Amino acid sequence: MKMIFYMSMLILIICNVLIILSSIISKKSFMDREKNSPFECGFDPKSSARMPFSLHFFLIAVIFLIFDIEITLLIPIISILKISNIWNFSLIMVFFLLILLFGLYYEWNQGALTWTK
């Protein structure tokens, strides 16, 4: 029993030494001005961080996420059709789609889907 304990401790120590040794050896230490400067998607990092941002990009992304989540909610509803009553299934499906269509109409009516104003 002691032999198994000593062997497991020896393996643990060897693994830790190898991990530390590999992390020390694999470090690249190129001290370059360009490498040390932050890269912000092609923008000059010395300029103001509070640049004006178009809200349309954000709104389109949120609308995309809403309809993406809608698809993930519709797929299980379709699989429930076999075990559910057709009347309940139709009612749930129509109610769900009406909420989404009203939301889409509201976004369209508010002008969130128009790209230029």
C-alpha atoms as a PDB file:
ATOM      1  CA  MET A   1       0.000   0.000   0.000  1.00  0.00           C
ATOM      2  CA  LYS A   2       2.860   2.372   0.807  1.00  0.00           C
ATOM      3  CA  MET A   3       4.481   1.554  -2.500  1.00  0.00           C
ATOM      4  CA  ILE A   4       1.411   2.731  -4.451  1.00  0.00           C
ATOM      5  CA  PHE A   5       1.331   5.946  -2.440  1.00  0.00           C
ATOM      6  CA  TYR A   6       5.022   6.659  -3.078  1.00  0.00           C
ATOM      7  CA  MET A   7       4.690   5.879  -6.776  1.00  0.00           C
ATOM      8  CA  SER A   8       1.682   8.185  -7.151  1.00  0.00           C
ATOM      9  CA  MET A   9       3.498  10.985  -5.330  1.00  0.00           C
ATOM     10  CA  LEU A  10       6.554  10.486  -7.538  1.00  0.00           C
ATOM     11  CA  ILE A  11       4.399  10.657 -10.681  1.00  0.00           C
ATOM     12  CA  LEU A  12       2.694  13.796  -9.377  1.00  0.00           C
ATOM     13  CA  ILE A  13       6.034  15.498  -8.703  1.00  0.00           C
ATOM     14  CA  ILE A  14       7.406  14.519 -12.130  1.00  0.00           C
ATOM     15  CA  CYS A  15       4.294  15.869 -13.858  1.00  0.00           C
ATOM     16  CA  ASN A  16       4.486  19.160 -11.974  1.00  0.00           C
ATOM     17  CA  VAL A  17       8.185  19.561 -12.763  1.00  0.00           C
ATOM     18  CA  LEU A  18       7.522  18.875 -16.460  1.00  0.00           C
ATOM     19  CA  ILE A  19       4.661  21.392 -16.564  1.00  0.00           C
ATOM     20  CA  ILE A  20       6.763  24.110 -14.934  1.00  0.00           C
ATOM     21  CA  LEU A  21       9.761  23.313 -17.122  1.00  0.00           C
ATOM     22  CA  SER A  22       7.718  23.393 -20.329  1.00  0.00           C
ATOM     23  CA  SER A  23       6.101  26.714 -19.395  1.00  0.00           C
ATOM     24  CA  ILE A  24       9.529  28.259 -18.743  1.00  0.00           C
ATOM     25  CA  ILE A  25      11.051  26.914 -21.953  1.00  0.00           C
ATOM     26  CA  SER A  26       8.107  27.805 -24.209  1.00  0.00           C
ATOM     27  CA  LYS A  27       7.899  31.480 -23.261  1.00  0.00           C
ATOM     28  CA  LYS A  28       8.771  33.822 -26.079  1.00  0.00           C
ATOM     29  CA  SER A  29      10.477  36.942 -24.886  1.00  0.00           C
ATOM     30  CA  PHE A  30      10.531  39.249 -27.881  1.00  0.00           C
ATOM     31  CA  MET A  31      10.393  42.737 -26.444  1.00  0.00           C
ATOM     32  CA  ASP A  32       9.206  44.700 -29.438  1.00  0.00           C
ATOM     33  CA  ARG A  33       7.348  48.015 -29.322  1.00  0.00           C
ATOM     34  CA  GLU A  34       4.757  46.776 -31.804  1.00  0.00           C
ATOM     35  CA  LYS A  35       4.230  43.515 -29.919  1.00  0.00           C
ATOM     36  CA  ASN A  36       3.795  45.251 -26.572  1.00  0.00           C
ATOM     37  CA  SER A  37       1.294  47.831 -27.831  1.00  0.00           C
ATOM     38  CA  PRO A  38      -2.406  46.942 -27.617  1.00  0.00           C
ATOM     39  CA  PHE A  39      -4.097  46.127 -30.896  1.00  0.00           C
ATOM     40  CA  GLU A  40      -7.683  47.306 -31.112  1.00  0.00           C
ATOM     41  CA  CYS A  41      -9.043  46.067 -34.429  1.00  0.00           C
ATOM     42  CA  GLY A  42      -6.965  48.380 -36.557  1.00  0.00           C
ATOM     43  CA  PHE A  43      -7.802  51.544 -34.648  1.00  0.00           C
ATOM     44  CA  ASP A  44      -5.068  53.711 -33.225  1.00  0.00           C
ATOM     45  CA  PRO A  45      -4.989  52.909 -29.473  1.00  0.00           C
ATOM     46  CA  LYS A  46      -3.670  56.410 -28.698  1.00  0.00           C
ATOM     47  CA  SER A  47      -6.906  58.068 -29.803  1.00  0.00           C
ATOM     48  CA  SER A  48     -10.031  58.517 -27.709  1.00  0.00           C
ATOM     49  CA  ALA A  49     -11.747  55.362 -26.576  1.00  0.00           C
ATOM     50  CA  ARG A  50     -15.118  57.143 -26.676  1.00  0.00           C
ATOM     51  CA  MET A  51     -15.556  57.212 -30.427  1.00  0.00           C
ATOM     52  CA  PRO A  52     -19.136  57.531 -31.677  1.00  0.00           C
ATOM     53  CA  PHE A  53     -20.688  54.138 -32.307  1.00  0.00           C
ATOM     54  CA  SER A  54     -23.605  53.483 -34.602  1.00  0.00           C
ATOM     55  CA  LEU A  55     -26.497  52.120 -32.601  1.00  0.00           C
ATOM     56  CA  HIS A  56     -27.844  50.322 -35.669  1.00  0.00           C
ATOM     57  CA  PHE A  57     -25.084  47.712 -35.452  1.00  0.00           C
ATOM     58  CA  PHE A  58     -26.108  46.947 -31.889  1.00  0.00           C
ATOM     59  CA  LEU A  59     -29.828  46.797 -32.725  1.00  0.00           C
ATOM     60  CA  ILE A  60     -29.294  44.466 -35.669  1.00  0.00           C
ATOM     61  CA  ALA A  61     -27.170  42.184 -33.468  1.00  0.00           C
ATOM     62  CA  VAL A  62     -29.849  42.091 -30.761  1.00  0.00           C
ATOM     63  CA  ILE A  63     -32.587  41.364 -33.300  1.00  0.00           C
ATOM     64  CA  PHE A  64     -30.452  38.581 -34.758  1.00  0.00           C
ATOM     65  CA  LEU A  65     -29.978  37.066 -31.295  1.00  0.00           C
ATOM     66  CA  ILE A  66     -33.703  37.226 -30.583  1.00  0.00           C
ATOM     67  CA  PHE A  67     -34.576  35.382 -33.774  1.00  0.00           C
ATOM     68  CA  ASP A  68     -31.732  32.943 -33.253  1.00  0.00           C
ATOM     69  CA  ILE A  69     -33.110  32.079 -29.820  1.00  0.00           C
ATOM     70  CA  GLU A  70     -36.571  31.822 -31.376  1.00  0.00           C
ATOM     71  CA  ILE A  71     -35.341  29.014 -33.629  1.00  0.00           C
ATOM     72  CA  THR A  72     -33.881  27.145 -30.667  1.00  0.00           C
ATOM     73  CA  LEU A  73     -37.262  27.423 -28.960  1.00  0.00           C
ATOM     74  CA  LEU A  74     -39.234  26.299 -32.007  1.00  0.00           C
ATOM     75  CA  ILE A  75     -37.334  23.043 -32.550  1.00  0.00           C
ATOM     76  CA  PRO A  76     -38.411  21.412 -29.237  1.00  0.00           C
ATOM     77  CA  ILE A  77     -41.973  22.565 -29.830  1.00  0.00           C
ATOM     78  CA  ILE A  78     -41.984  20.652 -33.106  1.00  0.00           C
ATOM     79  CA  SER A  79     -40.742  17.497 -31.367  1.00  0.00           C
ATOM     80  CA  ILE A  80     -43.581  17.755 -28.825  1.00  0.00           C
ATOM     81  CA  LEU A  81     -46.134  17.392 -31.638  1.00  0.00           C
ATOM     82  CA  LYS A  82     -46.083  13.575 -31.357  1.00  0.00           C
ATOM     83  CA  ILE A  83     -47.024  13.512 -27.681  1.00  0.00           C
ATOM     84  CA  SER A  84     -49.209  16.601 -27.580  1.00  0.00           C
ATOM     85  CA  ASN A  85     -52.772  17.329 -28.519  1.00  0.00           C
ATOM     86  CA  ILE A  86     -52.962  19.010 -31.926  1.00  0.00           C
ATOM     87  CA  TRP A  87     -55.179  21.767 -30.530  1.00  0.00           C
ATOM     88  CA  ASN A  88     -52.723  22.617 -27.734  1.00  0.00           C
ATOM     89  CA  PHE A  89     -49.809  22.436 -30.141  1.00  0.00           C
ATOM     90  CA  SER A  90     -51.497  24.796 -32.603  1.00  0.00           C
ATOM     91  CA  LEU A  91     -52.461  27.242 -29.862  1.00  0.00           C
ATOM     92  CA  ILE A  92     -48.947  27.384 -28.419  1.00  0.00           C
ATOM     93  CA  MET A  93     -47.364  27.703 -31.855  1.00  0.00           C
ATOM     94  CA  VAL A  94     -49.692  30.487 -33.014  1.00  0.00           C
ATOM     95  CA  PHE A  95     -49.282  32.374 -29.727  1.00  0.00           C
ATOM     96  CA  PHE A  96     -45.485  32.102 -29.924  1.00  0.00           C
ATOM     97  CA  LEU A  97     -45.333  33.217 -33.547  1.00  0.00           C
ATOM     98  CA  LEU A  98     -47.759  36.106 -32.913  1.00  0.00           C
ATOM     99  CA  ILE A  99     -45.537  37.441 -30.136  1.00  0.00           C
ATOM    100  CA  LEU A 100     -42.537  37.298 -32.457  1.00  0.00           C
ATOM    101  CA  LEU A 101     -44.409  38.927 -35.331  1.00  0.00           C
ATOM    102  CA  PHE A 102     -45.711  41.714 -33.093  1.00  0.00           C
ATOM    103  CA  GLY A 103     -42.153  42.287 -31.850  1.00  0.00           C
ATOM    104  CA  LEU A 104     -40.852  42.405 -35.413  1.00  0.00           C
ATOM    105  CA  TYR A 105     -43.623  44.818 -36.422  1.00  0.00           C
ATOM    106  CA  TYR A 106     -42.834  47.021 -33.411  1.00  0.00           C
ATOM    107  CA  GLU A 107     -39.120  47.123 -34.329  1.00  0.00           C
ATOM    108  CA  TRP A 108     -40.006  47.904 -37.935  1.00  0.00           C
ATOM    109  CA  ASN A 109     -42.478  50.599 -36.891  1.00  0.00           C
ATOM    110  CA  GLN A 110     -39.929  52.233 -34.554  1.00  0.00           C
ATOM    111  CA  GLY A 111     -37.392  52.369 -37.383  1.00  0.00           C
ATOM    112  CA  ALA A 112     -34.841  50.012 -35.877  1.00  0.00           C
ATOM    113  CA  LEU A 113     -34.632  48.032 -39.102  1.00  0.00           C
ATOM    114  CA  THR A 114     -34.012  51.003 -41.372  1.00  0.00           C
ATOM    115  CA  TRP A 115     -30.281  51.426 -41.856  1.00  0.00           C
ATOM    116  CA  THR A 116     -30.199  55.139 -42.653  1.00  0.00           C
ATOM    117  CA  LYS A 117     -32.194  57.898 -41.026  1.00  0.00           C
END
